[in-house]
PDB file of N, CA and C in Angstrom:
ATOM      1  N   UNK A   1       0.867  -1.303   0.067  1.00  0.00           N
ATOM      2  CA  UNK A   1      -0.020   0.043   0.086  1.00  0.00           C
ATOM      3  C   UNK A   1       0.944   1.302  -0.027  1.00  0.00           C
ATOM      4  N   UNK A   2       0.703   2.249  -0.760  1.00  0.00           N
ATOM      5  CA  UNK A   2       1.238   3.367  -0.762  1.00  0.00           C
ATOM      6  C   UNK A   2       0.982   4.471   0.323  1.00  0.00           C
ATOM      7  N   UNK A   3       1.899   5.394   0.555  1.00  0.00           N
ATOM      8  CA  UNK A   3       1.465   6.250   1.640  1.00  0.00           C
ATOM      9  C   UNK A   3       0.321   7.027   1.400  1.00  0.00           C
ATOM     10  N   UNK A   4       0.171   7.450   0.013  1.00  0.00           N
ATOM     11  CA  UNK A   4      -1.100   8.233  -0.371  1.00  0.00           C
ATOM     12  C   UNK A   4      -2.323   7.326   0.015  1.00  0.00           C
ATOM     13  N   UNK A   5      -2.304   6.087  -0.485  1.00  0.00           N
ATOM     14  CA  UNK A   5      -3.643   5.306  -0.220  1.00  0.00           C
ATOM     15  C   UNK A   5      -3.889   4.998   1.198  1.00  0.00           C
ATOM     16  N   UNK A   6      -2.767   4.787   1.962  1.00  0.00           N
ATOM     17  CA  UNK A   6      -3.008   4.568   3.371  1.00  0.00           C
ATOM     18  C   UNK A   6      -3.452   5.853   3.935  1.00  0.00           C
ATOM     19  N   UNK A   7      -3.218   6.948   3.748  1.00  0.00           N
ATOM     20  CA  UNK A   7      -3.589   8.278   4.408  1.00  0.00           C
ATOM     21  C   UNK A   7      -5.127   8.307   3.914  1.00  0.00           C
ATOM     22  N   UNK A   8      -5.206   8.156   2.653  1.00  0.00           N
ATOM     23  CA  UNK A   8      -6.737   8.168   2.003  1.00  0.00           C
ATOM     24  C   UNK A   8      -7.612   7.363   2.725  1.00  0.00           C
ATOM     25  N   UNK A   9      -7.301   6.131   2.847  1.00  0.00           N
ATOM     26  CA  UNK A   9      -8.140   5.025   3.549  1.00  0.00           C
ATOM     27  C   UNK A   9      -8.499   5.332   5.057  1.00  0.00           C
ATOM     28  N   UNK A  10      -7.447   5.971   5.435  1.00  0.00           N
ATOM     29  CA  UNK A  10      -7.427   6.255   6.927  1.00  0.00           C
ATOM     30  C   UNK A  10      -8.518   7.356   7.280  1.00  0.00           C
ATOM     31  N   UNK A  11      -8.711   8.217   6.141  1.00  0.00           N
ATOM     32  CA  UNK A  11      -9.608   9.405   6.400  1.00  0.00           C
ATOM     33  C   UNK A  11     -11.171   8.908   6.630  1.00  0.00           C
ATOM     34  N   UNK A  12     -11.425   7.775   6.169  1.00  0.00           N
ATOM     35  CA  UNK A  12     -12.761   7.114   6.377  1.00  0.00           C
ATOM     36  C   UNK A  12     -13.048   6.838   7.587  1.00  0.00           C
ATOM     37  N   UNK A  13     -12.122   6.347   8.525  1.00  0.00           N
ATOM     38  CA  UNK A  13     -12.281   5.967   9.953  1.00  0.00           C
ATOM     39  C   UNK A  13     -12.219   7.162  10.707  1.00  0.00           C
ATOM     40  N   UNK A  14     -11.823   8.381  10.272  1.00  0.00           N
ATOM     41  CA  UNK A  14     -11.786   9.389  11.170  1.00  0.00           C
ATOM     42  C   UNK A  14     -13.044  10.283  11.226  1.00  0.00           C
ATOM     43  N   UNK A  15     -13.366  11.058  12.071  1.00  0.00           N
ATOM     44  CA  UNK A  15     -14.329  12.076  11.986  1.00  0.00           C
ATOM     45  C   UNK A  15     -13.834  13.140  11.072  1.00  0.00           C
ATOM     46  N   UNK A  16     -14.461  13.239  10.065  1.00  0.00           N
ATOM     47  CA  UNK A  16     -14.002  14.208   8.941  1.00  0.00           C
ATOM     48  C   UNK A  16     -14.429  15.606   9.220  1.00  0.00           C
ATOM     49  N   UNK A  17     -15.260  16.197   9.866  1.00  0.00           N
ATOM     50  CA  UNK A  17     -15.642  17.458  10.151  1.00  0.00           C
ATOM     51  C   UNK A  17     -14.545  18.023  10.959  1.00  0.00           C
ATOM     52  N   UNK A  18     -13.714  17.473  11.840  1.00  0.00           N
ATOM     53  CA  UNK A  18     -12.757  18.159  12.593  1.00  0.00           C
ATOM     54  C   UNK A  18     -11.489  17.148  12.831  1.00  0.00           C
ATOM     55  N   UNK A  19     -10.520  17.673  13.245  1.00  0.00           N
ATOM     56  CA  UNK A  19      -9.264  16.748  13.477  1.00  0.00           C
ATOM     57  C   UNK A  19      -9.476  16.276  14.987  1.00  0.00           C
ATOM     58  N   UNK A  20      -8.661  15.099  15.074  1.00  0.00           N
ATOM     59  CA  UNK A  20      -8.662  14.610  16.455  1.00  0.00           C
ATOM     60  C   UNK A  20      -8.534  15.413  17.603  1.00  0.00           C
ATOM     61  N   UNK A  21      -7.620  16.441  17.428  1.00  0.00           N
ATOM     62  CA  UNK A  21      -7.333  17.320  18.475  1.00  0.00           C
ATOM     63  C   UNK A  21      -8.431  18.289  18.697  1.00  0.00           C
ATOM     64  N   UNK A  22      -9.463  18.443  17.836  1.00  0.00           N
ATOM     65  CA  UNK A  22     -10.374  19.268  18.042  1.00  0.00           C
ATOM     66  C   UNK A  22     -10.336  20.474  17.135  1.00  0.00           C
ATOM     67  N   UNK A  23      -9.260  20.884  16.582  1.00  0.00           N
ATOM     68  CA  UNK A  23      -9.075  21.955  15.774  1.00  0.00           C
ATOM     69  C   UNK A  23      -9.831  21.742  14.329  1.00  0.00           C
ATOM     70  N   UNK A  24     -10.152  22.675  13.760  1.00  0.00           N
ATOM     71  CA  UNK A  24     -10.696  22.632  12.407  1.00  0.00           C
ATOM     72  C   UNK A  24      -9.847  22.683  11.202  1.00  0.00           C
ATOM     73  N   UNK A  25      -8.598  23.285  11.438  1.00  0.00           N
ATOM     74  CA  UNK A  25      -7.685  23.436  10.188  1.00  0.00           C
ATOM     75  C   UNK A  25      -6.326  22.769  10.635  1.00  0.00           C
ATOM     76  N   UNK A  26      -5.748  22.454   9.557  1.00  0.00           N
ATOM     77  CA  UNK A  26      -4.375  22.044   9.707  1.00  0.00           C
ATOM     78  C   UNK A  26      -3.429  23.245  10.055  1.00  0.00           C
ATOM     79  N   UNK A  27      -2.576  23.026  11.162  1.00  0.00           N
ATOM     80  CA  UNK A  27      -1.733  24.187  11.602  1.00  0.00           C
ATOM     81  C   UNK A  27      -0.710  24.511  10.604  1.00  0.00           C
ATOM     82  N   UNK A  28      -0.299  25.640  10.374  1.00  0.00           N
ATOM     83  CA  UNK A  28       0.804  26.069   9.433  1.00  0.00           C
ATOM     84  C   UNK A  28       2.042  25.206   9.676  1.00  0.00           C
ATOM     85  N   UNK A  29       2.615  24.699   8.556  1.00  0.00           N
ATOM     86  CA  UNK A  29       3.846  24.080   8.742  1.00  0.00           C
ATOM     87  C   UNK A  29       5.013  24.992   9.332  1.00  0.00           C
ATOM     88  N   UNK A  30       5.999  24.510  10.027  1.00  0.00           N
ATOM     89  CA  UNK A  30       7.107  25.208  10.524  1.00  0.00           C
ATOM     90  C   UNK A  30       7.810  25.801   9.365  1.00  0.00           C
ATOM     91  N   UNK A  31       8.713  26.614   9.604  1.00  0.00           N
ATOM     92  CA  UNK A  31       9.729  27.306   8.466  1.00  0.00           C
ATOM     93  C   UNK A  31      10.548  25.886   8.175  1.00  0.00           C
ATOM     94  N   UNK A  32      11.081  25.924   6.865  1.00  0.00           N
ATOM     95  CA  UNK A  32      12.097  24.887   6.582  1.00  0.00           C
ATOM     96  C   UNK A  32      13.235  24.693   7.467  1.00  0.00           C
ATOM     97  N   UNK A  33      13.720  23.612   7.737  1.00  0.00           N
ATOM     98  CA  UNK A  33      14.960  23.279   8.533  1.00  0.00           C
ATOM     99  C   UNK A  33      16.161  23.068   7.581  1.00  0.00           C
ATOM    100  N   UNK A  34      17.118  23.925   7.741  1.00  0.00           N
ATOM    101  CA  UNK A  34      18.248  23.801   6.763  1.00  0.00           C
ATOM    102  C   UNK A  34      19.236  23.253   7.552  1.00  0.00           C
ATOM    103  N   UNK A  35      19.853  22.130   7.142  1.00  0.00           N
ATOM    104  CA  UNK A  35      21.071  21.396   7.664  1.00  0.00           C
ATOM    105  C   UNK A  35      21.884  20.756   6.544  1.00  0.00           C
ATOM    106  N   UNK A  36      23.052  20.577   6.990  1.00  0.00           N
ATOM    107  CA  UNK A  36      23.983  19.711   5.945  1.00  0.00           C
ATOM    108  C   UNK A  36      23.698  18.443   6.133  1.00  0.00           C
ATOM    109  N   UNK A  37      24.026  17.447   5.105  1.00  0.00           N
ATOM    110  CA  UNK A  37      24.023  15.970   5.350  1.00  0.00           C
ATOM    111  C   UNK A  37      24.744  15.442   6.421  1.00  0.00           C
ATOM    112  N   UNK A  38      25.914  16.017   6.503  1.00  0.00           N
ATOM    113  CA  UNK A  38      26.889  15.629   7.759  1.00  0.00           C
ATOM    114  C   UNK A  38      26.006  15.932   9.109  1.00  0.00           C
ATOM    115  N   UNK A  39      25.516  17.238   9.160  1.00  0.00           N
ATOM    116  CA  UNK A  39      24.653  17.442  10.352  1.00  0.00           C
ATOM    117  C   UNK A  39      23.338  16.559  10.709  1.00  0.00           C
ATOM    118  N   UNK A  40      22.591  16.182   9.555  1.00  0.00           N
ATOM    119  CA  UNK A  40      21.523  15.467   9.518  1.00  0.00           C
ATOM    120  C   UNK A  40      22.022  13.998   9.963  1.00  0.00           C
ATOM    121  N   UNK A  41      22.860  13.515   9.499  1.00  0.00           N
ATOM    122  CA  UNK A  41      23.427  12.115   9.907  1.00  0.00           C
ATOM    123  C   UNK A  41      23.811  12.119  11.367  1.00  0.00           C
ATOM    124  N   UNK A  42      24.647  13.182  11.849  1.00  0.00           N
ATOM    125  CA  UNK A  42      24.839  13.091  13.269  1.00  0.00           C
ATOM    126  C   UNK A  42      23.833  13.334  14.227  1.00  0.00           C
ATOM    127  N   UNK A  43      22.583  13.865  13.853  1.00  0.00           N
ATOM    128  CA  UNK A  43      21.437  13.983  14.427  1.00  0.00           C
ATOM    129  C   UNK A  43      20.490  12.748  14.406  1.00  0.00           C
ATOM    130  N   UNK A  44      21.089  11.689  13.768  1.00  0.00           N
ATOM    131  CA  UNK A  44      20.212  10.247  13.608  1.00  0.00           C
ATOM    132  C   UNK A  44      19.326  10.454  12.486  1.00  0.00           C
ATOM    133  N   UNK A  45      19.575  11.261  11.430  1.00  0.00           N
ATOM    134  CA  UNK A  45      18.880  11.159  10.249  1.00  0.00           C
ATOM    135  C   UNK A  45      17.665  12.123  10.093  1.00  0.00           C
ATOM    136  N   UNK A  46      17.203  12.665  11.189  1.00  0.00           N
ATOM    137  CA  UNK A  46      15.942  13.524  11.282  1.00  0.00           C
ATOM    138  C   UNK A  46      16.323  14.759  11.811  1.00  0.00           C
ATOM    139  N   UNK A  47      16.031  15.961  11.146  1.00  0.00           N
ATOM    140  CA  UNK A  47      16.371  17.251  11.690  1.00  0.00           C
ATOM    141  C   UNK A  47      15.673  17.559  13.065  1.00  0.00           C
ATOM    142  N   UNK A  48      16.388  18.225  13.787  1.00  0.00           N
ATOM    143  CA  UNK A  48      15.732  18.568  15.195  1.00  0.00           C
ATOM    144  C   UNK A  48      14.423  19.370  15.046  1.00  0.00           C
ATOM    145  N   UNK A  49      13.316  19.171  15.558  1.00  0.00           N
ATOM    146  CA  UNK A  49      12.129  19.683  15.523  1.00  0.00           C
ATOM    147  C   UNK A  49      11.248  19.171  14.393  1.00  0.00           C
ATOM    148  N   UNK A  50      11.705  18.399  13.465  1.00  0.00           N
ATOM    149  CA  UNK A  50      10.998  17.871  12.480  1.00  0.00           C
ATOM    150  C   UNK A  50       9.808  16.952  12.884  1.00  0.00           C
ATOM    151  N   UNK A  51       8.645  17.193  12.564  1.00  0.00           N
ATOM    152  CA  UNK A  51       7.602  16.443  12.872  1.00  0.00           C
ATOM    153  C   UNK A  51       6.802  15.849  11.695  1.00  0.00           C
ATOM    154  N   UNK A  52       6.389  14.678  11.760  1.00  0.00           N
ATOM    155  CA  UNK A  52       5.422  14.258  10.424  1.00  0.00           C
ATOM    156  C   UNK A  52       4.090  14.855  10.624  1.00  0.00           C
ATOM    157  N   UNK A  53       3.632  15.433   9.687  1.00  0.00           N
ATOM    158  CA  UNK A  53       2.447  16.256   9.735  1.00  0.00           C
ATOM    159  C   UNK A  53       1.432  15.400   8.719  1.00  0.00           C
ATOM    160  N   UNK A  54       0.335  14.956   9.099  1.00  0.00           N
ATOM    161  CA  UNK A  54      -0.666  14.423   8.421  1.00  0.00           C
ATOM    162  C   UNK A  54      -1.452  15.252   7.335  1.00  0.00           C
ATOM    163  N   UNK A  55      -1.586  14.980   6.272  1.00  0.00           N
ATOM    164  CA  UNK A  55      -2.232  15.799   5.217  1.00  0.00           C
ATOM    165  C   UNK A  55      -3.643  15.660   5.627  1.00  0.00           C
ATOM    166  N   UNK A  56      -4.558  16.821   5.226  1.00  0.00           N
ATOM    167  CA  UNK A  56      -5.887  16.578   5.596  1.00  0.00           C
ATOM    168  C   UNK A  56      -6.582  15.513   4.854  1.00  0.00           C
ATOM    169  N   UNK A  57      -7.613  14.844   5.580  1.00  0.00           N
ATOM    170  CA  UNK A  57      -8.256  13.643   4.979  1.00  0.00           C
ATOM    171  C   UNK A  57      -9.346  14.079   4.009  1.00  0.00           C
ATOM    172  N   UNK A  58      -9.445  12.922   3.198  1.00  0.00           N
ATOM    173  CA  UNK A  58     -10.545  13.236   2.089  1.00  0.00           C
ATOM    174  C   UNK A  58     -11.441  11.863   2.135  1.00  0.00           C
ATOM    175  N   UNK A  59     -12.629  12.010   2.800  1.00  0.00           N
ATOM    176  CA  UNK A  59     -13.387  10.904   3.122  1.00  0.00           C
ATOM    177  C   UNK A  59     -13.839  10.065   1.754  1.00  0.00           C
ATOM    178  N   UNK A  60     -14.104  10.742   0.657  1.00  0.00           N
ATOM    179  CA  UNK A  60     -14.584  10.117  -0.440  1.00  0.00           C
ATOM    180  C   UNK A  60     -13.381   9.349  -1.014  1.00  0.00           C
ATOM    181  N   UNK A  61     -12.198   9.734  -1.132  1.00  0.00           N
ATOM    182  CA  UNK A  61     -10.993   9.304  -1.608  1.00  0.00           C
ATOM    183  C   UNK A  61     -10.680   8.129  -0.749  1.00  0.00           C
ATOM    184  N   UNK A  62     -10.831   8.154   0.666  1.00  0.00           N
ATOM    185  CA  UNK A  62     -10.405   7.135   1.565  1.00  0.00           C
ATOM    186  C   UNK A  62     -11.544   5.980   1.388  1.00  0.00           C
ATOM    187  N   UNK A  63     -12.704   6.292   1.182  1.00  0.00           N
ATOM    188  CA  UNK A  63     -13.721   5.156   0.891  1.00  0.00           C
ATOM    189  C   UNK A  63     -13.510   4.343  -0.181  1.00  0.00           C
ATOM    190  N   UNK A  64     -13.137   5.087  -1.345  1.00  0.00           N
ATOM    191  CA  UNK A  64     -12.743   4.381  -2.558  1.00  0.00           C
ATOM    192  C   UNK A  64     -11.452   3.392  -2.370  1.00  0.00           C
ATOM    193  N   UNK A  65     -10.414   3.951  -1.681  1.00  0.00           N
ATOM    194  CA  UNK A  65      -9.396   3.095  -1.347  1.00  0.00           C
ATOM    195  C   UNK A  65      -9.707   1.925  -0.396  1.00  0.00           C
ATOM    196  N   UNK A  66     -10.401   2.255   0.506  1.00  0.00           N
ATOM    197  CA  UNK A  66     -10.951   1.221   1.435  1.00  0.00           C
ATOM    198  C   UNK A  66     -11.638   0.036   0.789  1.00  0.00           C
ATOM    199  N   UNK A  67     -12.442   0.495  -0.197  1.00  0.00           N
ATOM    200  CA  UNK A  67     -13.090  -0.667  -0.981  1.00  0.00           C
ATOM    201  C   UNK A  67     -12.169  -1.329  -1.838  1.00  0.00           C
ATOM    202  N   UNK A  68     -11.371  -0.438  -2.699  1.00  0.00           N
ATOM    203  CA  UNK A  68     -10.393  -0.993  -3.855  1.00  0.00           C
ATOM    204  C   UNK A  68      -9.416  -2.024  -3.153  1.00  0.00           C
ATOM    205  N   UNK A  69      -8.982  -1.642  -1.785  1.00  0.00           N
ATOM    206  CA  UNK A  69      -8.160  -2.776  -1.136  1.00  0.00           C
ATOM    207  C   UNK A  69      -8.847  -3.816  -0.313  1.00  0.00           C
ATOM    208  N   UNK A  70     -10.126  -3.924  -0.288  1.00  0.00           N
ATOM    209  CA  UNK A  70     -10.872  -4.740   0.203  1.00  0.00           C
ATOM    210  C   UNK A  70     -10.602  -4.618   1.964  1.00  0.00           C
ATOM    211  N   UNK A  71     -10.450  -3.542   2.329  1.00  0.00           N
ATOM    212  CA  UNK A  71     -10.287  -3.234   3.925  1.00  0.00           C
ATOM    213  C   UNK A  71     -11.541  -3.858   4.577  1.00  0.00           C
ATOM    214  N   UNK A  72     -12.640  -3.555   3.992  1.00  0.00           N
ATOM    215  CA  UNK A  72     -13.933  -4.046   4.546  1.00  0.00           C
ATOM    216  C   UNK A  72     -14.182  -5.525   4.802  1.00  0.00           C
ATOM    217  N   UNK A  73     -13.164  -6.362   4.131  1.00  0.00           N
ATOM    218  CA  UNK A  73     -13.243  -7.916   4.236  1.00  0.00           C
ATOM    219  C   UNK A  73     -12.665  -8.105   5.902  1.00  0.00           C
ATOM    220  N   UNK A  74     -11.921  -7.229   6.416  1.00  0.00           N
ATOM    221  CA  UNK A  74     -11.481  -7.516   7.808  1.00  0.00           C
ATOM    222  C   UNK A  74     -12.009  -6.578   8.912  1.00  0.00           C
ATOM    223  N   UNK A  75     -12.399  -5.176   8.469  1.00  0.00           N
ATOM    224  CA  UNK A  75     -12.742  -4.196   9.212  1.00  0.00           C
ATOM    225  C   UNK A  75     -14.097  -3.773   9.014  1.00  0.00           C
ATOM    226  N   UNK A  76     -14.912  -3.631   9.936  1.00  0.00           N
ATOM    227  CA  UNK A  76     -16.356  -3.090   9.912  1.00  0.00           C
ATOM    228  C   UNK A  76     -16.300  -1.629  10.227  1.00  0.00           C
ATOM    229  N   UNK A  77     -17.097  -0.769   9.672  1.00  0.00           N
ATOM    230  CA  UNK A  77     -17.475   0.401  10.067  1.00  0.00           C
ATOM    231  C   UNK A  77     -19.078   0.681  10.058  1.00  0.00           C
ATOM    232  N   UNK A  78     -19.522   0.606  11.253  1.00  0.00           N
ATOM    233  CA  UNK A  78     -20.852   0.670  11.322  1.00  0.00           C
ATOM    234  C   UNK A  78     -21.584   1.764  10.565  1.00  0.00           C
ATOM    235  N   UNK A  79     -22.647   1.493  10.029  1.00  0.00           N
ATOM    236  CA  UNK A  79     -23.536   2.550   9.089  1.00  0.00           C
ATOM    237  C   UNK A  79     -22.888   2.687   7.731  1.00  0.00           C
ATOM    238  N   UNK A  80     -21.727   2.135   7.475  1.00  0.00           N
ATOM    239  CA  UNK A  80     -21.297   2.147   6.081  1.00  0.00           C
ATOM    240  C   UNK A  80     -21.684   0.714   5.257  1.00  0.00           C
ATOM    241  N   UNK A  81     -22.011   0.894   4.102  1.00  0.00           N
ATOM    242  CA  UNK A  81     -22.346  -0.296   3.287  1.00  0.00           C
ATOM    243  C   UNK A  81     -21.314  -0.533   2.348  1.00  0.00           C
ATOM    244  N   UNK A  82     -20.545  -1.734   2.376  1.00  0.00           N
ATOM    245  CA  UNK A  82     -19.522  -2.123   1.554  1.00  0.00           C
ATOM    246  C   UNK A  82     -20.001  -3.433   0.706  1.00  0.00           C
ATOM    247  N   UNK A  83     -19.252  -3.726  -0.362  1.00  0.00           N
ATOM    248  CA  UNK A  83     -19.785  -4.917  -1.061  1.00  0.00           C
ATOM    249  C   UNK A  83     -19.738  -6.170  -0.203  1.00  0.00           C
ATOM    250  N   UNK A  84     -20.546  -6.956  -0.537  1.00  0.00           N
ATOM    251  CA  UNK A  84     -20.722  -8.245   0.119  1.00  0.00           C
ATOM    252  C   UNK A  84     -19.672  -9.293  -0.284  1.00  0.00           C
ATOM    253  N   UNK A  85     -19.272  -9.155  -1.465  1.00  0.00           N
ATOM    254  CA  UNK A  85     -18.170 -10.156  -1.923  1.00  0.00           C
ATOM    255  C   UNK A  85     -16.692  -9.488  -1.867  1.00  0.00           C
ATOM    256  N   UNK A  86     -15.780 -10.376  -1.822  1.00  0.00           N
ATOM    257  CA  UNK A  86     -14.505  -9.846  -1.952  1.00  0.00           C
ATOM    258  C   UNK A  86     -13.586 -11.006  -2.092  1.00  0.00           C
ATOM    259  N   UNK A  87     -12.483 -10.786  -2.772  1.00  0.00           N
ATOM    260  CA  UNK A  87     -11.427 -11.910  -3.162  1.00  0.00           C
ATOM    261  C   UNK A  87     -10.634 -12.071  -1.868  1.00  0.00           C
ATOM    262  N   UNK A  88     -10.651 -11.194  -0.971  1.00  0.00           N
ATOM    263  CA  UNK A  88      -9.928 -11.321   0.486  1.00  0.00           C
ATOM    264  C   UNK A  88     -10.780 -12.114   1.301  1.00  0.00           C
ATOM    265  N   UNK A  89     -10.365 -13.167   1.940  1.00  0.00           N
ATOM    266  CA  UNK A  89     -10.838 -13.926   2.981  1.00  0.00           C
ATOM    267  C   UNK A  89     -11.305 -13.000   4.166  1.00  0.00           C
ATOM    268  N   UNK A  90     -12.492 -13.293   4.631  1.00  0.00           N
ATOM    269  CA  UNK A  90     -12.989 -12.497   5.757  1.00  0.00           C
ATOM    270  C   UNK A  90     -12.181 -12.555   7.011  1.00  0.00           C
ATOM    271  N   UNK A  91     -11.591 -11.559   7.585  1.00  0.00           N
ATOM    272  CA  UNK A  91     -10.896 -11.670   8.781  1.00  0.00           C
ATOM    273  C   UNK A  91     -11.337 -11.122   9.926  1.00  0.00           C
ATOM    274  N   UNK A  92     -10.541 -10.910  10.944  1.00  0.00           N
ATOM    275  CA  UNK A  92     -10.837 -10.591  12.347  1.00  0.00           C
ATOM    276  C   UNK A  92     -10.224  -9.263  12.695  1.00  0.00           C
ATOM    277  N   UNK A  93     -10.120  -8.254  11.801  1.00  0.00           N
ATOM    278  CA  UNK A  93      -9.608  -6.946  12.015  1.00  0.00           C
ATOM    279  C   UNK A  93     -10.416  -6.279  12.938  1.00  0.00           C
ATOM    280  N   UNK A  94      -9.904  -5.342  13.591  1.00  0.00           N
ATOM    281  CA  UNK A  94     -10.602  -4.440  14.587  1.00  0.00           C
ATOM    282  C   UNK A  94     -11.944  -3.730  13.919  1.00  0.00           C
ATOM    283  N   UNK A  95     -13.010  -3.581  14.674  1.00  0.00           N
ATOM    284  CA  UNK A  95     -13.992  -2.698  14.110  1.00  0.00           C
ATOM    285  C   UNK A  95     -13.532  -1.252  14.115  1.00  0.00           C
ATOM    286  N   UNK A  96     -13.695  -0.437  13.057  1.00  0.00           N
ATOM    287  CA  UNK A  96     -13.229   0.955  13.123  1.00  0.00           C
ATOM    288  C   UNK A  96     -14.006   2.116  13.462  1.00  0.00           C
ATOM    289  N   UNK A  97     -15.463   1.872  13.816  1.00  0.00           N
ATOM    290  CA  UNK A  97     -16.505   2.829  14.017  1.00  0.00           C
ATOM    291  C   UNK A  97     -15.732   3.897  14.939  1.00  0.00           C
ATOM    292  N   UNK A  98     -15.949   5.085  14.711  1.00  0.00           N
ATOM    293  CA  UNK A  98     -15.370   6.152  15.663  1.00  0.00           C
ATOM    294  C   UNK A  98     -13.899   6.015  16.180  1.00  0.00           C
ATOM    295  N   UNK A  99     -13.118   5.249  15.542  1.00  0.00           N
ATOM    296  CA  UNK A  99     -11.706   5.347  16.069  1.00  0.00           C
ATOM    297  C   UNK A  99     -10.995   6.630  15.801  1.00  0.00           C
ATOM    298  N   UNK A 100     -11.468   7.412  15.003  1.00  0.00           N
ATOM    299  CA  UNK A 100     -10.592   8.832  14.902  1.00  0.00           C
ATOM    300  C   UNK A 100     -10.728   9.554  16.023  1.00  0.00           C
ATOM    301  N   UNK A 101     -11.731   9.424  16.838  1.00  0.00           N
ATOM    302  CA  UNK A 101     -11.955  10.081  18.087  1.00  0.00           C
ATOM    303  C   UNK A 101     -11.044   9.512  19.262  1.00  0.00           C
ATOM    304  N   UNK A 102     -10.539   8.305  19.138  1.00  0.00           N
ATOM    305  CA  UNK A 102      -9.571   7.742  20.097  1.00  0.00           C
ATOM    306  C   UNK A 102      -8.086   7.680  19.916  1.00  0.00           C
ATOM    307  N   UNK A 103      -7.853   7.917  18.645  1.00  0.00           N
ATOM    308  CA  UNK A 103      -6.387   7.710  18.126  1.00  0.00           C
ATOM    309  C   UNK A 103      -6.032   8.862  17.301  1.00  0.00           C
ATOM    310  N   UNK A 104      -4.651   9.316  17.414  1.00  0.00           N
ATOM    311  CA  UNK A 104      -4.437  10.568  16.380  1.00  0.00           C
ATOM    312  C   UNK A 104      -4.002   9.779  15.254  1.00  0.00           C
ATOM    313  N   UNK A 105      -3.990  10.478  14.069  1.00  0.00           N
ATOM    314  CA  UNK A 105      -3.765  10.086  12.607  1.00  0.00           C
ATOM    315  C   UNK A 105      -2.704   9.420  12.583  1.00  0.00           C
ATOM    316  N   UNK A 106      -1.596   9.669  13.150  1.00  0.00           N
ATOM    317  CA  UNK A 106      -0.320   9.106  13.016  1.00  0.00           C
ATOM    318  C   UNK A 106      -0.471   7.518  13.404  1.00  0.00           C
ATOM    319  N   UNK A 107      -1.270   7.265  14.471  1.00  0.00           N
ATOM    320  CA  UNK A 107      -1.363   5.853  14.823  1.00  0.00           C
ATOM    321  C   UNK A 107      -1.907   4.997  13.692  1.00  0.00           C
ATOM    322  N   UNK A 108      -2.934   5.635  13.088  1.00  0.00           N
ATOM    323  CA  UNK A 108      -3.501   4.795  11.987  1.00  0.00           C
ATOM    324  C   UNK A 108      -2.466   4.529  10.816  1.00  0.00           C
ATOM    325  N   UNK A 109      -1.819   5.732  10.455  1.00  0.00           N
ATOM    326  CA  UNK A 109      -0.521   5.409   9.473  1.00  0.00           C
ATOM    327  C   UNK A 109       0.269   4.338   9.892  1.00  0.00           C
ATOM    328  N   UNK A 110       0.821   4.282  11.133  1.00  0.00           N
ATOM    329  CA  UNK A 110       1.622   3.216  11.572  1.00  0.00           C
ATOM    330  C   UNK A 110       0.973   1.931  11.501  1.00  0.00           C
ATOM    331  N   UNK A 111      -0.318   1.882  11.835  1.00  0.00           N
ATOM    332  CA  UNK A 111      -0.982   0.538  11.838  1.00  0.00           C
ATOM    333  C   UNK A 111      -1.085   0.007  10.500  1.00  0.00           C
ATOM    334  N   UNK A 112      -1.338   0.915   9.375  1.00  0.00           N
ATOM    335  CA  UNK A 112      -1.344   0.615   8.062  1.00  0.00           C
ATOM    336  C   UNK A 112      -0.099   0.126   7.591  1.00  0.00           C
ATOM    337  N   UNK A 113       0.823   0.937   7.674  1.00  0.00           N
ATOM    338  CA  UNK A 113       2.297   0.586   7.219  1.00  0.00           C
ATOM    339  C   UNK A 113       2.956  -0.539   8.100  1.00  0.00           C
ATOM    340  N   UNK A 114       2.790  -0.335   9.256  1.00  0.00           N
ATOM    341  CA  UNK A 114       3.541  -1.514   9.991  1.00  0.00           C
ATOM    342  C   UNK A 114       2.495  -2.305  10.755  1.00  0.00           C
ATOM    343  N   UNK A 115       1.433  -2.934  10.067  1.00  0.00           N
ATOM    344  CA  UNK A 115       0.417  -3.406  10.812  1.00  0.00           C
ATOM    345  C   UNK A 115       0.643  -4.777  11.622  1.00  0.00           C
ATOM    346  N   UNK A 116       1.682  -5.569  11.084  1.00  0.00           N
ATOM    347  CA  UNK A 116       2.075  -6.737  12.021  1.00  0.00           C
ATOM    348  C   UNK A 116       2.685  -6.405  13.235  1.00  0.00           C
ATOM    349  N   UNK A 117       3.657  -5.578  13.191  1.00  0.00           N
ATOM    350  CA  UNK A 117       4.335  -5.178  14.456  1.00  0.00           C
ATOM    351  C   UNK A 117       3.439  -4.329  15.293  1.00  0.00           C
ATOM    352  N   UNK A 118       2.778  -3.343  14.767  1.00  0.00           N
ATOM    353  CA  UNK A 118       1.756  -2.509  15.419  1.00  0.00           C
ATOM    354  C   UNK A 118       0.585  -3.442  16.322  1.00  0.00           C
ATOM    355  N   UNK A 119       0.083  -4.256  15.430  1.00  0.00           N
ATOM    356  CA  UNK A 119      -0.897  -5.052  16.216  1.00  0.00           C
ATOM    357  C   UNK A 119      -0.315  -6.170  17.149  1.00  0.00           C
ATOM    358  N   UNK A 120       0.829  -6.609  16.855  1.00  0.00           N
ATOM    359  CA  UNK A 120       1.507  -7.579  17.761  1.00  0.00           C
ATOM    360  C   UNK A 120       1.924  -7.083  19.002  1.00  0.00           C
ATOM    361  N   UNK A 121       2.413  -5.708  19.047  1.00  0.00           N
ATOM    362  CA  UNK A 121       2.814  -4.991  20.202  1.00  0.00           C
ATOM    363  C   UNK A 121       1.800  -4.528  21.087  1.00  0.00           C
ATOM    364  N   UNK A 122       0.602  -4.567  20.511  1.00  0.00           N
ATOM    365  CA  UNK A 122      -0.598  -4.040  21.352  1.00  0.00           C
ATOM    366  C   UNK A 122      -1.520  -5.211  21.823  1.00  0.00           C
ATOM    367  N   UNK A 123      -1.241  -6.497  21.381  1.00  0.00           N
ATOM    368  CA  UNK A 123      -2.002  -7.565  21.597  1.00  0.00           C
ATOM    369  C   UNK A 123      -1.922  -8.067  23.091  1.00  0.00           C
TER     370      UNK A 123
END
């Protein structure tokens, strides 16, 4: 799964009217951080003060990706209608209704990109 499709599919699980932290708009990104490659490597590969910022969600695009990747085969979202048939065997993934109110968007990104380690460490 690509980062773009993961972010799009996560939008469906979140409350789309506002961010998890209650704010309505994405905060302004900080000024660019300028460092040399040597400085970057000395800092462990990430500039000081650098934080991963989630792009704003797109519920319609997220739903399309959720269906295309057959996420519904393992994950239920109450009140949403998804296809009855799938090529993917039905699984026992967590039910996702209202999860956006309980976890930051970064948690969902990690869950999708590193699902095995993420789920195993929380089991």
